[in-house]
């Protein structure tokens, strides 16, 4: 079962200067690679003369081992995207994209200097980030009698869920969303009040 986790809730722009090079960090909430590509395109159009447009992103929780990516965009390998990603992961906030735009100031920073600059740019921007708690939800469906509906809706709402759709015929068909951690508890309570006649099902897609 997945527990709740923090996600990004606002956009941030923050700039630092390191040895005359400008590092402008943009933070965006994001939940897909497609949105990362869209953000990146916007930033590239906003800063066409920049030396580099490096990025790192997390499209799931911060400790996910799958839903992340990064790019050095021409900087020496491992000096931009990876330290940016490490800063994001270390902050413990998921569903976030960081794009750092660099304007070269004429002084080479070396690999260590670049890593500190890119990672530090993201960490500085993260101090301005607002977060919210995300509770993973799952969809379920069920069929019940008209005499059972009020008690069942009470269980759903008490479990932190909500009714997404209702279809009235001989029975009532409900499409609901429940917090992933509360599905088993809601199922047990619904079976108890319905004497085992109502079961949660996976919705037909």
N, C-alpha and C. Protein backbone atom coordinates (compact mmCIF):
# COMPACT_ATOMS: atom_id res chain seq x y z
N UNK A 1 0.84 -1.20 0.00
CA UNK A 1 0.00 0.00 0.00
C UNK A 1 0.88 1.26 0.00
N UNK A 2 0.45 2.27 -0.76
CA UNK A 2 1.21 3.50 -0.84
C UNK A 2 0.68 4.51 0.17
N UNK A 3 1.58 5.16 0.85
CA UNK A 3 1.18 6.18 1.81
C UNK A 3 1.17 7.54 1.12
N UNK A 4 0.63 8.54 1.82
CA UNK A 4 0.60 9.89 1.27
C UNK A 4 2.02 10.45 1.17
N UNK A 5 2.18 11.45 0.29
CA UNK A 5 3.51 12.05 0.13
C UNK A 5 3.37 13.49 -0.32
N UNK A 6 4.45 14.26 -0.16
CA UNK A 6 4.45 15.67 -0.52
C UNK A 6 4.71 15.86 -2.01
N UNK A 7 4.00 16.81 -2.62
CA UNK A 7 4.24 17.15 -4.02
C UNK A 7 4.34 18.67 -4.15
N UNK A 8 4.94 19.11 -5.26
CA UNK A 8 5.09 20.54 -5.52
C UNK A 8 3.72 21.18 -5.75
N UNK A 9 3.56 22.42 -5.29
CA UNK A 9 2.26 23.08 -5.40
C UNK A 9 2.33 24.48 -6.00
N UNK A 10 3.53 24.92 -6.41
CA UNK A 10 3.63 26.24 -7.04
C UNK A 10 4.84 26.27 -7.97
N UNK A 11 4.93 27.34 -8.72
CA UNK A 11 6.09 27.53 -9.61
C UNK A 11 7.06 28.50 -8.95
N UNK A 12 8.33 28.26 -9.19
CA UNK A 12 9.38 29.08 -8.57
C UNK A 12 10.40 29.48 -9.63
N UNK A 13 10.87 30.72 -9.56
CA UNK A 13 12.01 31.16 -10.37
C UNK A 13 13.01 31.79 -9.42
N UNK A 14 14.25 31.30 -9.45
CA UNK A 14 15.28 31.82 -8.55
C UNK A 14 16.63 31.83 -9.28
N UNK A 15 17.39 32.88 -9.09
CA UNK A 15 18.67 33.02 -9.79
C UNK A 15 19.82 33.13 -8.81
N UNK A 16 20.92 32.45 -9.13
CA UNK A 16 22.17 32.65 -8.40
C UNK A 16 23.27 32.97 -9.42
N UNK A 17 24.32 33.62 -8.96
CA UNK A 17 25.47 33.93 -9.82
C UNK A 17 26.72 33.29 -9.21
N UNK A 18 27.42 32.52 -10.03
CA UNK A 18 28.65 31.85 -9.59
C UNK A 18 29.76 32.20 -10.56
N UNK A 19 30.76 32.93 -10.10
CA UNK A 19 31.87 33.36 -10.97
C UNK A 19 31.39 33.94 -12.29
N UNK A 20 30.44 34.85 -12.18
CA UNK A 20 29.88 35.62 -13.31
C UNK A 20 28.94 34.82 -14.21
N UNK A 21 28.81 33.50 -13.97
CA UNK A 21 27.80 32.73 -14.70
C UNK A 21 26.46 32.84 -13.97
N UNK A 22 25.40 33.05 -14.75
CA UNK A 22 24.05 33.11 -14.18
C UNK A 22 23.40 31.73 -14.24
N UNK A 23 22.83 31.30 -13.14
CA UNK A 23 22.09 30.05 -13.08
C UNK A 23 20.66 30.38 -12.64
N UNK A 24 19.71 30.24 -13.56
CA UNK A 24 18.31 30.57 -13.27
C UNK A 24 17.53 29.27 -13.17
N UNK A 25 17.01 29.00 -12.00
CA UNK A 25 16.29 27.74 -11.75
C UNK A 25 14.78 27.98 -11.81
N UNK A 26 14.12 27.15 -12.60
CA UNK A 26 12.66 27.14 -12.68
C UNK A 26 12.16 25.83 -12.09
N UNK A 27 11.23 25.90 -11.16
CA UNK A 27 10.59 24.72 -10.61
C UNK A 27 9.12 24.71 -11.02
N UNK A 28 8.65 23.54 -11.45
CA UNK A 28 7.25 23.37 -11.85
C UNK A 28 6.69 22.10 -11.24
N UNK A 29 5.42 22.10 -10.84
CA UNK A 29 4.77 20.82 -10.54
C UNK A 29 4.65 20.03 -11.85
N UNK A 30 4.88 18.73 -11.83
CA UNK A 30 4.73 17.93 -13.04
C UNK A 30 4.41 16.48 -12.69
N UNK A 31 3.61 15.85 -13.55
CA UNK A 31 3.22 14.46 -13.32
C UNK A 31 3.49 13.58 -14.52
N UNK A 32 4.12 14.12 -15.56
CA UNK A 32 4.39 13.31 -16.76
C UNK A 32 5.62 13.83 -17.50
N UNK A 33 6.22 12.95 -18.30
CA UNK A 33 7.36 13.35 -19.12
C UNK A 33 6.92 14.37 -20.17
N UNK A 34 5.68 14.23 -20.64
CA UNK A 34 5.16 15.16 -21.64
C UNK A 34 5.14 16.59 -21.10
N UNK A 35 4.75 16.74 -19.84
CA UNK A 35 4.71 18.09 -19.26
C UNK A 35 6.13 18.64 -19.09
N UNK A 36 7.09 17.76 -18.78
CA UNK A 36 8.50 18.19 -18.69
C UNK A 36 8.96 18.74 -20.04
N UNK A 37 8.65 18.04 -21.12
CA UNK A 37 9.04 18.48 -22.46
C UNK A 37 8.40 19.81 -22.81
N UNK A 38 7.15 19.99 -22.39
CA UNK A 38 6.45 21.25 -22.66
C UNK A 38 7.09 22.40 -21.89
N UNK A 39 7.40 22.17 -20.60
CA UNK A 39 8.06 23.20 -19.79
C UNK A 39 9.41 23.57 -20.40
N UNK A 40 10.16 22.54 -20.79
CA UNK A 40 11.50 22.76 -21.34
C UNK A 40 11.43 23.61 -22.62
N UNK A 41 10.47 23.30 -23.47
CA UNK A 41 10.31 24.06 -24.71
C UNK A 41 10.01 25.53 -24.41
N UNK A 42 9.15 25.77 -23.42
CA UNK A 42 8.81 27.15 -23.04
C UNK A 42 10.05 27.90 -22.54
N UNK A 43 10.86 27.22 -21.71
CA UNK A 43 12.04 27.87 -21.14
C UNK A 43 13.10 28.13 -22.22
N UNK A 44 13.23 27.19 -23.15
CA UNK A 44 14.18 27.38 -24.25
C UNK A 44 13.79 28.58 -25.11
N UNK A 45 12.50 28.77 -25.30
CA UNK A 45 12.03 29.93 -26.08
C UNK A 45 12.20 31.22 -25.30
N UNK A 46 12.10 31.12 -23.97
CA UNK A 46 12.26 32.29 -23.11
C UNK A 46 13.72 32.71 -23.03
N UNK A 47 14.64 31.74 -23.12
CA UNK A 47 16.08 32.00 -23.00
C UNK A 47 16.84 31.39 -24.19
N UNK A 48 16.60 31.89 -25.40
CA UNK A 48 17.25 31.28 -26.58
C UNK A 48 18.76 31.50 -26.62
N UNK A 49 19.27 32.52 -25.92
CA UNK A 49 20.71 32.81 -25.96
C UNK A 49 21.49 32.14 -24.83
N UNK A 50 20.82 31.38 -23.99
CA UNK A 50 21.50 30.74 -22.86
C UNK A 50 22.47 29.66 -23.35
N UNK A 51 23.51 29.41 -22.56
CA UNK A 51 24.50 28.40 -22.91
C UNK A 51 23.93 26.98 -22.77
N UNK A 52 23.13 26.76 -21.74
CA UNK A 52 22.60 25.42 -21.46
C UNK A 52 21.21 25.52 -20.83
N UNK A 53 20.40 24.49 -21.09
CA UNK A 53 19.08 24.35 -20.46
C UNK A 53 19.04 22.93 -19.86
N UNK A 54 19.52 22.79 -18.65
CA UNK A 54 19.61 21.47 -18.01
C UNK A 54 18.35 21.21 -17.18
N UNK A 55 18.03 19.93 -17.01
CA UNK A 55 16.81 19.64 -16.24
C UNK A 55 16.92 18.34 -15.46
N UNK A 56 16.01 18.23 -14.50
CA UNK A 56 15.82 16.99 -13.74
C UNK A 56 14.37 16.97 -13.30
N UNK A 57 13.80 15.78 -13.20
CA UNK A 57 12.38 15.73 -12.82
C UNK A 57 12.05 14.44 -12.07
N UNK A 58 10.98 14.53 -11.30
CA UNK A 58 10.38 13.39 -10.60
C UNK A 58 8.89 13.44 -10.92
N UNK A 59 8.35 12.41 -11.56
CA UNK A 59 6.92 12.42 -11.88
C UNK A 59 6.10 11.59 -10.90
N UNK A 60 6.74 11.12 -9.84
CA UNK A 60 6.04 10.37 -8.79
C UNK A 60 6.62 10.84 -7.45
N UNK A 61 6.49 10.02 -6.42
CA UNK A 61 7.03 10.39 -5.12
C UNK A 61 8.55 10.53 -5.19
N UNK A 62 9.13 11.26 -4.25
CA UNK A 62 10.56 11.60 -4.30
C UNK A 62 11.46 10.37 -4.23
N UNK A 63 11.02 9.31 -3.52
CA UNK A 63 11.87 8.13 -3.37
C UNK A 63 11.59 7.05 -4.41
N UNK A 64 10.84 7.40 -5.47
CA UNK A 64 10.56 6.43 -6.52
C UNK A 64 11.84 6.08 -7.28
N UNK A 65 12.02 4.81 -7.58
CA UNK A 65 13.23 4.36 -8.29
C UNK A 65 13.01 4.30 -9.79
N UNK A 66 11.84 4.71 -10.27
CA UNK A 66 11.54 4.58 -11.70
C UNK A 66 11.18 5.89 -12.39
N UNK A 67 10.39 6.73 -11.73
CA UNK A 67 9.79 7.86 -12.43
C UNK A 67 10.62 9.13 -12.28
N UNK A 68 11.79 9.13 -12.91
CA UNK A 68 12.64 10.31 -12.88
C UNK A 68 13.47 10.39 -14.15
N UNK A 69 14.11 11.53 -14.36
CA UNK A 69 14.99 11.70 -15.51
C UNK A 69 15.78 12.98 -15.35
N UNK A 70 16.83 13.14 -16.19
CA UNK A 70 17.64 14.36 -16.12
C UNK A 70 18.45 14.50 -17.40
N UNK A 71 18.97 15.71 -17.61
CA UNK A 71 19.80 15.98 -18.79
C UNK A 71 20.86 17.02 -18.45
N UNK A 72 22.08 16.80 -18.95
CA UNK A 72 23.18 17.76 -18.78
C UNK A 72 23.19 18.82 -19.89
N UNK A 73 22.47 18.59 -20.97
CA UNK A 73 22.37 19.53 -22.08
C UNK A 73 23.72 20.13 -22.49
N UNK A 74 24.69 19.27 -22.73
CA UNK A 74 25.98 19.75 -23.23
C UNK A 74 27.03 20.04 -22.18
N UNK A 75 26.64 20.14 -20.91
CA UNK A 75 27.63 20.27 -19.84
C UNK A 75 28.35 18.93 -19.68
N UNK A 76 29.56 18.90 -19.11
CA UNK A 76 30.25 17.62 -18.91
C UNK A 76 29.36 16.62 -18.17
N UNK A 77 29.42 15.38 -18.59
CA UNK A 77 28.55 14.34 -18.05
C UNK A 77 28.60 14.29 -16.51
N UNK A 78 27.43 14.30 -15.90
CA UNK A 78 27.35 14.18 -14.45
C UNK A 78 27.49 15.48 -13.69
N UNK A 79 27.63 16.60 -14.38
CA UNK A 79 27.87 17.87 -13.67
C UNK A 79 26.63 18.73 -13.50
N UNK A 80 25.52 18.37 -14.16
CA UNK A 80 24.33 19.23 -14.11
C UNK A 80 23.07 18.46 -13.70
N UNK A 81 22.60 17.61 -14.60
CA UNK A 81 21.35 16.89 -14.36
C UNK A 81 21.35 16.03 -13.11
N UNK A 82 22.43 15.28 -12.92
CA UNK A 82 22.50 14.38 -11.76
C UNK A 82 22.51 15.15 -10.42
N UNK A 83 23.35 16.17 -10.24
CA UNK A 83 23.27 16.92 -8.97
C UNK A 83 21.94 17.65 -8.79
N UNK A 84 21.30 18.07 -9.88
CA UNK A 84 19.98 18.67 -9.79
C UNK A 84 18.96 17.64 -9.28
N UNK A 85 19.03 16.43 -9.84
CA UNK A 85 18.13 15.36 -9.40
C UNK A 85 18.37 15.02 -7.93
N UNK A 86 19.63 14.96 -7.53
CA UNK A 86 19.95 14.65 -6.13
C UNK A 86 19.36 15.69 -5.19
N UNK A 87 19.38 16.96 -5.61
CA UNK A 87 18.79 18.02 -4.79
C UNK A 87 17.28 17.84 -4.66
N UNK A 88 16.62 17.46 -5.77
CA UNK A 88 15.18 17.22 -5.73
C UNK A 88 14.85 16.04 -4.82
N UNK A 89 15.57 14.93 -5.01
CA UNK A 89 15.29 13.74 -4.21
C UNK A 89 15.57 13.98 -2.73
N UNK A 90 16.62 14.74 -2.45
CA UNK A 90 16.98 15.01 -1.06
C UNK A 90 15.97 15.89 -0.35
N UNK A 91 15.18 16.63 -1.13
CA UNK A 91 14.18 17.51 -0.54
C UNK A 91 12.92 16.76 -0.13
N UNK A 92 12.74 15.54 -0.66
CA UNK A 92 11.61 14.71 -0.26
C UNK A 92 10.27 15.12 -0.85
N UNK A 93 10.28 15.91 -1.93
CA UNK A 93 9.04 16.35 -2.56
C UNK A 93 8.96 15.76 -3.97
N UNK A 94 7.83 15.13 -4.27
CA UNK A 94 7.67 14.50 -5.57
C UNK A 94 6.90 15.36 -6.56
N UNK A 95 6.71 14.81 -7.77
CA UNK A 95 5.97 15.46 -8.85
C UNK A 95 6.47 16.87 -9.10
N UNK A 96 7.75 16.96 -9.42
CA UNK A 96 8.38 18.27 -9.61
C UNK A 96 9.42 18.21 -10.72
N UNK A 97 9.55 19.29 -11.45
CA UNK A 97 10.56 19.42 -12.50
C UNK A 97 11.41 20.65 -12.21
N UNK A 98 12.71 20.51 -12.36
CA UNK A 98 13.63 21.65 -12.23
C UNK A 98 14.37 21.85 -13.55
N UNK A 99 14.34 23.06 -14.05
CA UNK A 99 15.12 23.43 -15.24
C UNK A 99 16.05 24.56 -14.84
N UNK A 100 17.34 24.35 -15.07
CA UNK A 100 18.32 25.40 -14.75
C UNK A 100 18.92 25.93 -16.05
N UNK A 101 18.73 27.22 -16.28
CA UNK A 101 19.27 27.91 -17.45
C UNK A 101 20.60 28.54 -17.05
N UNK A 102 21.64 28.26 -17.83
CA UNK A 102 22.95 28.85 -17.53
C UNK A 102 23.38 29.81 -18.62
N UNK A 103 23.76 31.01 -18.19
CA UNK A 103 24.42 31.97 -19.07
C UNK A 103 25.90 31.99 -18.67
N UNK A 104 26.77 31.54 -19.56
CA UNK A 104 28.20 31.43 -19.26
C UNK A 104 28.80 32.82 -19.04
N UNK A 105 29.55 32.94 -17.93
CA UNK A 105 30.10 34.25 -17.59
C UNK A 105 31.55 34.45 -17.97
N UNK A 106 32.14 33.47 -18.66
CA UNK A 106 33.51 33.63 -19.13
C UNK A 106 34.54 32.90 -18.31
N UNK A 107 34.16 32.41 -17.14
CA UNK A 107 35.09 31.67 -16.28
C UNK A 107 34.63 30.22 -16.14
N UNK A 108 35.50 29.29 -16.51
CA UNK A 108 35.15 27.87 -16.37
C UNK A 108 35.13 27.49 -14.89
N UNK A 109 34.15 26.69 -14.50
CA UNK A 109 33.98 26.34 -13.09
C UNK A 109 34.57 24.98 -12.73
N UNK A 110 34.90 24.16 -13.73
CA UNK A 110 35.39 22.82 -13.43
C UNK A 110 34.24 21.90 -13.06
N UNK A 111 34.49 20.60 -13.06
CA UNK A 111 33.40 19.65 -12.81
C UNK A 111 32.80 19.82 -11.41
N UNK A 112 33.65 19.97 -10.41
CA UNK A 112 33.16 20.15 -9.04
C UNK A 112 32.37 21.44 -8.88
N UNK A 113 32.86 22.49 -9.51
CA UNK A 113 32.17 23.78 -9.44
C UNK A 113 30.82 23.75 -10.12
N UNK A 114 30.76 23.05 -11.25
CA UNK A 114 29.48 22.91 -11.95
C UNK A 114 28.48 22.13 -11.12
N UNK A 115 28.94 21.03 -10.53
CA UNK A 115 28.05 20.21 -9.70
C UNK A 115 27.48 21.03 -8.54
N UNK A 116 28.34 21.80 -7.90
CA UNK A 116 27.89 22.63 -6.77
C UNK A 116 26.93 23.72 -7.24
N UNK A 117 27.22 24.30 -8.41
CA UNK A 117 26.39 25.40 -8.91
C UNK A 117 25.00 24.91 -9.31
N UNK A 118 24.94 23.82 -10.07
CA UNK A 118 23.64 23.32 -10.51
C UNK A 118 22.83 22.75 -9.34
N UNK A 119 23.50 21.98 -8.49
CA UNK A 119 22.80 21.44 -7.32
C UNK A 119 22.37 22.55 -6.37
N UNK A 120 23.24 23.53 -6.19
CA UNK A 120 22.94 24.65 -5.30
C UNK A 120 21.83 25.54 -5.83
N UNK A 121 21.78 25.69 -7.15
CA UNK A 121 20.72 26.49 -7.76
C UNK A 121 19.35 25.89 -7.45
N UNK A 122 19.26 24.56 -7.57
CA UNK A 122 17.99 23.88 -7.28
C UNK A 122 17.66 23.97 -5.79
N UNK A 123 18.66 23.75 -4.94
CA UNK A 123 18.40 23.81 -3.49
C UNK A 123 17.92 25.20 -3.07
N UNK A 124 18.51 26.24 -3.66
CA UNK A 124 18.10 27.61 -3.35
C UNK A 124 16.64 27.83 -3.77
N UNK A 125 16.27 27.36 -4.96
CA UNK A 125 14.90 27.53 -5.44
C UNK A 125 13.92 26.75 -4.57
N UNK A 126 14.34 25.59 -4.08
CA UNK A 126 13.46 24.75 -3.27
C UNK A 126 13.05 25.43 -1.96
N UNK A 127 13.85 26.40 -1.51
CA UNK A 127 13.49 27.11 -0.27
C UNK A 127 12.23 27.95 -0.46
N UNK A 128 11.87 28.21 -1.73
CA UNK A 128 10.68 29.02 -2.04
C UNK A 128 9.49 28.15 -2.45
N UNK A 129 9.69 26.84 -2.46
CA UNK A 129 8.64 25.93 -2.94
C UNK A 129 7.55 25.72 -1.90
N UNK A 130 6.31 25.75 -2.37
CA UNK A 130 5.16 25.38 -1.54
C UNK A 130 4.79 23.94 -1.86
N UNK A 131 4.34 23.20 -0.86
CA UNK A 131 4.01 21.79 -1.08
C UNK A 131 2.59 21.50 -0.60
N UNK A 132 2.08 20.37 -1.03
CA UNK A 132 0.80 19.86 -0.52
C UNK A 132 0.92 18.34 -0.40
N UNK A 133 0.06 17.75 0.40
CA UNK A 133 0.09 16.31 0.60
C UNK A 133 -0.82 15.62 -0.41
N UNK A 134 -0.28 14.63 -1.10
CA UNK A 134 -1.06 13.86 -2.07
C UNK A 134 -1.37 12.48 -1.48
N UNK A 135 -2.64 12.12 -1.54
CA UNK A 135 -3.07 10.81 -1.06
C UNK A 135 -3.40 9.94 -2.28
N UNK A 136 -2.65 8.86 -2.52
CA UNK A 136 -2.94 7.99 -3.67
C UNK A 136 -4.35 7.42 -3.58
N UNK A 137 -5.11 7.57 -4.67
CA UNK A 137 -6.49 7.09 -4.71
C UNK A 137 -6.63 5.97 -5.74
N UNK A 138 -7.61 5.09 -5.51
CA UNK A 138 -7.92 4.02 -6.46
C UNK A 138 -9.41 4.06 -6.77
N UNK A 139 -9.76 3.67 -7.99
CA UNK A 139 -11.16 3.63 -8.40
C UNK A 139 -11.74 2.25 -8.16
N UNK A 140 -12.97 2.21 -7.67
CA UNK A 140 -13.69 0.95 -7.46
C UNK A 140 -15.14 1.16 -7.89
N UNK A 141 -15.83 0.07 -8.16
CA UNK A 141 -17.25 0.15 -8.46
C UNK A 141 -18.00 -0.83 -7.57
N UNK A 142 -19.31 -0.61 -7.43
CA UNK A 142 -20.13 -1.51 -6.64
C UNK A 142 -21.59 -1.36 -7.07
N UNK A 143 -22.37 -2.38 -6.78
CA UNK A 143 -23.81 -2.34 -7.02
C UNK A 143 -24.52 -2.60 -5.70
N UNK A 144 -25.53 -1.80 -5.37
CA UNK A 144 -26.24 -1.97 -4.11
C UNK A 144 -27.73 -1.70 -4.28
N UNK A 145 -28.49 -2.04 -3.27
CA UNK A 145 -29.92 -1.78 -3.26
C UNK A 145 -30.18 -0.32 -2.84
N UNK A 146 -31.35 0.16 -3.19
CA UNK A 146 -31.74 1.52 -2.81
C UNK A 146 -31.77 1.70 -1.29
N UNK A 147 -32.13 0.63 -0.59
CA UNK A 147 -32.20 0.71 0.87
C UNK A 147 -30.82 0.76 1.53
N UNK A 148 -29.77 0.42 0.76
CA UNK A 148 -28.40 0.36 1.32
C UNK A 148 -27.58 1.61 1.02
N UNK A 149 -28.06 2.46 0.09
CA UNK A 149 -27.21 3.50 -0.46
C UNK A 149 -26.71 4.50 0.59
N UNK A 150 -27.58 4.93 1.49
CA UNK A 150 -27.15 5.94 2.47
C UNK A 150 -26.04 5.43 3.38
N UNK A 151 -26.18 4.18 3.85
CA UNK A 151 -25.16 3.60 4.72
C UNK A 151 -23.84 3.42 3.98
N UNK A 152 -23.92 3.02 2.72
CA UNK A 152 -22.70 2.78 1.93
C UNK A 152 -21.99 4.10 1.63
N UNK A 153 -22.73 5.12 1.27
CA UNK A 153 -22.11 6.43 1.03
C UNK A 153 -21.46 6.96 2.31
N UNK A 154 -22.10 6.70 3.44
CA UNK A 154 -21.52 7.12 4.72
C UNK A 154 -20.16 6.46 4.94
N UNK A 155 -20.07 5.15 4.63
CA UNK A 155 -18.79 4.44 4.77
C UNK A 155 -17.74 5.02 3.82
N UNK A 156 -18.15 5.29 2.60
CA UNK A 156 -17.22 5.82 1.59
C UNK A 156 -16.64 7.16 2.05
N UNK A 157 -17.51 8.05 2.50
CA UNK A 157 -17.06 9.38 2.93
C UNK A 157 -16.23 9.30 4.21
N UNK A 158 -16.62 8.41 5.12
CA UNK A 158 -15.86 8.22 6.36
C UNK A 158 -14.45 7.69 6.07
N UNK A 159 -14.31 6.96 4.97
CA UNK A 159 -13.01 6.40 4.58
C UNK A 159 -12.16 7.38 3.79
N UNK A 160 -12.66 8.61 3.59
CA UNK A 160 -11.91 9.61 2.84
C UNK A 160 -12.13 9.52 1.35
N UNK A 161 -13.15 8.75 0.93
CA UNK A 161 -13.43 8.57 -0.49
C UNK A 161 -14.53 9.50 -0.99
N UNK A 162 -14.88 9.33 -2.28
CA UNK A 162 -15.95 10.14 -2.86
C UNK A 162 -16.61 9.37 -3.99
N UNK A 163 -17.86 9.68 -4.24
CA UNK A 163 -18.63 9.06 -5.33
C UNK A 163 -18.36 9.85 -6.61
N UNK A 164 -17.89 9.16 -7.65
CA UNK A 164 -17.58 9.82 -8.92
C UNK A 164 -18.77 9.78 -9.89
N UNK A 165 -19.55 8.68 -9.82
CA UNK A 165 -20.68 8.55 -10.74
C UNK A 165 -21.72 7.62 -10.14
N UNK A 166 -23.00 7.90 -10.41
CA UNK A 166 -24.09 7.04 -9.95
C UNK A 166 -25.00 6.69 -11.13
N UNK A 167 -25.38 5.43 -11.21
CA UNK A 167 -26.27 4.98 -12.27
C UNK A 167 -27.45 4.26 -11.63
N UNK A 168 -28.66 4.82 -11.79
CA UNK A 168 -29.85 4.28 -11.14
C UNK A 168 -30.63 3.41 -12.12
N UNK A 169 -30.81 2.14 -11.77
CA UNK A 169 -31.65 1.23 -12.53
C UNK A 169 -32.37 0.32 -11.53
N UNK A 170 -32.34 -0.99 -11.76
CA UNK A 170 -32.92 -1.90 -10.75
C UNK A 170 -32.11 -1.80 -9.46
N UNK A 171 -30.82 -1.71 -9.60
CA UNK A 171 -29.91 -1.45 -8.48
C UNK A 171 -29.30 -0.06 -8.68
N UNK A 172 -28.44 0.31 -7.75
CA UNK A 172 -27.65 1.53 -7.92
C UNK A 172 -26.20 1.11 -8.17
N UNK A 173 -25.66 1.56 -9.30
CA UNK A 173 -24.24 1.31 -9.61
C UNK A 173 -23.45 2.56 -9.25
N UNK A 174 -22.42 2.39 -8.44
CA UNK A 174 -21.58 3.51 -8.04
C UNK A 174 -20.16 3.32 -8.56
N UNK A 175 -19.59 4.41 -9.06
CA UNK A 175 -18.15 4.46 -9.34
C UNK A 175 -17.56 5.37 -8.27
N UNK A 176 -16.62 4.86 -7.51
CA UNK A 176 -16.09 5.61 -6.37
C UNK A 176 -14.57 5.68 -6.42
N UNK A 177 -14.02 6.61 -5.65
CA UNK A 177 -12.57 6.71 -5.43
C UNK A 177 -12.33 6.61 -3.94
N UNK A 178 -11.33 5.80 -3.57
CA UNK A 178 -10.97 5.62 -2.16
C UNK A 178 -9.47 5.81 -1.99
N UNK A 179 -9.04 6.36 -0.84
CA UNK A 179 -7.60 6.35 -0.55
C UNK A 179 -7.10 4.92 -0.57
N UNK A 180 -5.97 4.72 -1.24
CA UNK A 180 -5.45 3.36 -1.43
C UNK A 180 -5.30 2.62 -0.10
N UNK A 181 -4.88 3.32 0.94
CA UNK A 181 -4.66 2.68 2.24
C UNK A 181 -5.96 2.28 2.94
N UNK A 182 -7.10 2.82 2.49
CA UNK A 182 -8.36 2.58 3.17
C UNK A 182 -9.30 1.62 2.43
N UNK A 183 -8.85 1.08 1.31
CA UNK A 183 -9.73 0.23 0.50
C UNK A 183 -10.18 -1.00 1.29
N UNK A 184 -9.24 -1.67 1.93
CA UNK A 184 -9.58 -2.91 2.65
C UNK A 184 -10.55 -2.63 3.80
N UNK A 185 -10.32 -1.55 4.53
CA UNK A 185 -11.20 -1.20 5.63
C UNK A 185 -12.62 -0.89 5.13
N UNK A 186 -12.71 -0.12 4.03
CA UNK A 186 -14.01 0.22 3.47
C UNK A 186 -14.73 -1.03 2.98
N UNK A 187 -13.98 -1.93 2.34
CA UNK A 187 -14.57 -3.19 1.86
C UNK A 187 -15.18 -3.99 3.02
N UNK A 188 -14.45 -4.09 4.11
CA UNK A 188 -14.94 -4.84 5.26
C UNK A 188 -16.20 -4.21 5.85
N UNK A 189 -16.21 -2.89 5.96
CA UNK A 189 -17.37 -2.21 6.53
C UNK A 189 -18.60 -2.32 5.63
N UNK A 190 -18.37 -2.22 4.30
CA UNK A 190 -19.48 -2.34 3.36
C UNK A 190 -20.05 -3.75 3.38
N UNK A 191 -19.19 -4.76 3.46
CA UNK A 191 -19.66 -6.14 3.53
C UNK A 191 -20.45 -6.37 4.82
N UNK A 192 -20.00 -5.75 5.90
CA UNK A 192 -20.69 -5.92 7.18
C UNK A 192 -22.10 -5.34 7.14
N UNK A 193 -22.24 -4.09 6.66
CA UNK A 193 -23.56 -3.45 6.67
C UNK A 193 -24.48 -4.03 5.61
N UNK A 194 -23.92 -4.71 4.60
CA UNK A 194 -24.76 -5.30 3.54
C UNK A 194 -24.90 -6.81 3.70
N UNK A 195 -24.41 -7.34 4.84
CA UNK A 195 -24.45 -8.79 5.10
C UNK A 195 -23.77 -9.58 3.98
N UNK A 196 -22.71 -8.99 3.44
CA UNK A 196 -21.90 -9.68 2.43
C UNK A 196 -22.43 -9.59 1.01
N UNK A 197 -23.52 -8.83 0.79
CA UNK A 197 -24.11 -8.79 -0.56
C UNK A 197 -23.46 -7.76 -1.49
N UNK A 198 -22.70 -6.81 -0.92
CA UNK A 198 -22.08 -5.77 -1.74
C UNK A 198 -20.56 -5.89 -1.65
N UNK A 199 -19.93 -5.98 -2.82
CA UNK A 199 -18.47 -6.10 -2.86
C UNK A 199 -17.89 -5.02 -3.77
N UNK A 200 -16.72 -4.55 -3.43
CA UNK A 200 -16.01 -3.60 -4.28
C UNK A 200 -15.37 -4.34 -5.44
N UNK A 201 -15.52 -3.77 -6.65
CA UNK A 201 -14.94 -4.37 -7.84
C UNK A 201 -14.04 -3.37 -8.53
N UNK A 202 -13.11 -3.88 -9.34
CA UNK A 202 -12.34 -2.99 -10.19
C UNK A 202 -13.25 -2.53 -11.34
N UNK A 203 -13.29 -1.23 -11.62
CA UNK A 203 -14.20 -0.76 -12.67
C UNK A 203 -13.81 -1.27 -14.05
N UNK A 204 -14.81 -1.49 -14.87
CA UNK A 204 -14.57 -1.91 -16.25
C UNK A 204 -14.12 -0.71 -17.06
N UNK A 205 -12.97 -0.82 -17.68
CA UNK A 205 -12.43 0.30 -18.45
C UNK A 205 -12.94 0.23 -19.89
